[in-house]
Amino acid sequence: MLVAEAEARARSWGCRSVALHCDVSNLAALRLYKSQGYKSIRVPEDAKWPAPKIAEGVRYEFMMKLVPKS
């Protein structure tokens, strides 16, 4: 329900997509996001997107989903 609410909020703000970082060792979270339509993507090298604030050595997946219009 939290994912759906976040997507609804993004849609109401006019966002076309939602993105998140997920720890690769958190398999339950990865399964949840994938079941909700999120895809793992590679961030372009020249992108000026903020990096997550994580502990050193933690690996993560960058995931994104297009938010359909209502």
C-alpha atoms as a PDB file:
ATOM      1  CA  MET A   1       0.000   0.000   0.000  1.00  0.00           C
ATOM      2  CA  LEU A   2       2.922   2.336   0.706  1.00  0.00           C
ATOM      3  CA  VAL A   3       4.327   1.855  -2.809  1.00  0.00           C
ATOM      4  CA  ALA A   4       0.906   2.562  -4.335  1.00  0.00           C
ATOM      5  CA  GLU A   5       0.522   5.714  -2.220  1.00  0.00           C
ATOM      6  CA  ALA A   6       3.986   6.969  -3.233  1.00  0.00           C
ATOM      7  CA  GLU A   7       3.146   6.393  -6.892  1.00  0.00           C
ATOM      8  CA  ALA A   8      -0.207   8.172  -6.514  1.00  0.00           C
ATOM      9  CA  ARG A   9       1.525  11.132  -4.889  1.00  0.00           C
ATOM     10  CA  ALA A  10       4.126  11.255  -7.672  1.00  0.00           C
ATOM     11  CA  ARG A  11       1.331  11.143 -10.265  1.00  0.00           C
ATOM     12  CA  SER A  12      -0.486  14.026  -8.531  1.00  0.00           C
ATOM     13  CA  TRP A  13       2.728  16.073  -8.725  1.00  0.00           C
ATOM     14  CA  GLY A  14       2.963  15.439 -12.474  1.00  0.00           C
ATOM     15  CA  CYS A  15       5.880  12.985 -12.264  1.00  0.00           C
ATOM     16  CA  ARG A  16       6.264  10.565 -15.153  1.00  0.00           C
ATOM     17  CA  SER A  17       8.347   8.013 -13.243  1.00  0.00           C
ATOM     18  CA  VAL A  18       9.385   6.865  -9.782  1.00  0.00           C
ATOM     19  CA  ALA A  19      12.890   5.682  -8.922  1.00  0.00           C
ATOM     20  CA  LEU A  20      14.497   4.052  -5.903  1.00  0.00           C
ATOM     21  CA  HIS A  21      17.661   2.420  -4.640  1.00  0.00           C
ATOM     22  CA  CYS A  22      17.439  -1.071  -3.131  1.00  0.00           C
ATOM     23  CA  ASP A  23      20.163  -3.004  -1.287  1.00  0.00           C
ATOM     24  CA  VAL A  24      21.002  -6.027  -3.461  1.00  0.00           C
ATOM     25  CA  SER A  25      21.071  -8.279  -0.389  1.00  0.00           C
ATOM     26  CA  ASN A  26      17.444  -7.385   0.455  1.00  0.00           C
ATOM     27  CA  LEU A  27      15.873 -10.073  -1.716  1.00  0.00           C
ATOM     28  CA  ALA A  28      12.361  -9.595  -0.313  1.00  0.00           C
ATOM     29  CA  ALA A  29      12.418  -5.895  -1.225  1.00  0.00           C
ATOM     30  CA  LEU A  30      13.778  -6.621  -4.703  1.00  0.00           C
ATOM     31  CA  ARG A  31      10.979  -9.158  -5.275  1.00  0.00           C
ATOM     32  CA  LEU A  32       8.374  -6.686  -4.008  1.00  0.00           C
ATOM     33  CA  TYR A  33       9.521  -3.867  -6.284  1.00  0.00           C
ATOM     34  CA  LYS A  34       9.809  -6.162  -9.308  1.00  0.00           C
ATOM     35  CA  SER A  35       6.291  -7.474  -8.653  1.00  0.00           C
ATOM     36  CA  GLN A  36       5.096  -3.849  -8.670  1.00  0.00           C
ATOM     37  CA  GLY A  37       6.620  -3.248 -12.127  1.00  0.00           C
ATOM     38  CA  TYR A  38       9.970  -1.687 -11.184  1.00  0.00           C
ATOM     39  CA  LYS A  39      12.929  -2.504 -13.420  1.00  0.00           C
ATOM     40  CA  SER A  40      16.622  -2.400 -12.547  1.00  0.00           C
ATOM     41  CA  ILE A  41      18.356   0.139 -14.743  1.00  0.00           C
ATOM     42  CA  ARG A  42      21.891   1.378 -15.191  1.00  0.00           C
ATOM     43  CA  VAL A  43      22.359   5.040 -14.314  1.00  0.00           C
ATOM     44  CA  PRO A  44      24.040   6.860 -17.212  1.00  0.00           C
ATOM     45  CA  GLU A  45      27.598   7.880 -16.312  1.00  0.00           C
ATOM     46  CA  ASP A  46      26.930  11.562 -17.007  1.00  0.00           C
ATOM     47  CA  ALA A  47      23.658  11.630 -15.038  1.00  0.00           C
ATOM     48  CA  LYS A  48      23.444  14.182 -12.260  1.00  0.00           C
ATOM     49  CA  TRP A  49      21.164  12.027 -10.116  1.00  0.00           C
ATOM     50  CA  PRO A  50      21.844  11.917  -6.382  1.00  0.00           C
ATOM     51  CA  ALA A  51      23.625   8.829  -5.094  1.00  0.00           C
ATOM     52  CA  PRO A  52      22.132   7.132  -2.053  1.00  0.00           C
ATOM     53  CA  LYS A  53      23.701   7.716   1.349  1.00  0.00           C
ATOM     54  CA  ILE A  54      24.762   4.177   2.191  1.00  0.00           C
ATOM     55  CA  ALA A  55      27.400   2.464   4.274  1.00  0.00           C
ATOM     56  CA  GLU A  56      30.679   1.829   2.532  1.00  0.00           C
ATOM     57  CA  GLY A  57      30.699  -1.422   0.596  1.00  0.00           C
ATOM     58  CA  VAL A  58      26.908  -1.758   0.312  1.00  0.00           C
ATOM     59  CA  ARG A  59      25.773  -2.544  -3.213  1.00  0.00           C
ATOM     60  CA  TYR A  60      22.400  -1.462  -4.499  1.00  0.00           C
ATOM     61  CA  GLU A  61      20.149  -1.676  -7.531  1.00  0.00           C
ATOM     62  CA  PHE A  62      18.739   1.494  -9.047  1.00  0.00           C
ATOM     63  CA  MET A  63      15.145   0.754 -10.008  1.00  0.00           C
ATOM     64  CA  MET A  64      12.604   2.780 -11.943  1.00  0.00           C
ATOM     65  CA  LYS A  65       8.983   2.562 -13.045  1.00  0.00           C
ATOM     66  CA  LEU A  66       6.912   4.725 -15.351  1.00  0.00           C
ATOM     67  CA  VAL A  67       3.884   6.143 -13.560  1.00  0.00           C
ATOM     68  CA  PRO A  68       0.792   5.804 -15.741  1.00  0.00           C
ATOM     69  CA  LYS A  69      -1.559   8.776 -15.981  1.00  0.00           C
ATOM     70  CA  SER A  70      -4.855   8.436 -14.142  1.00  0.00           C
END
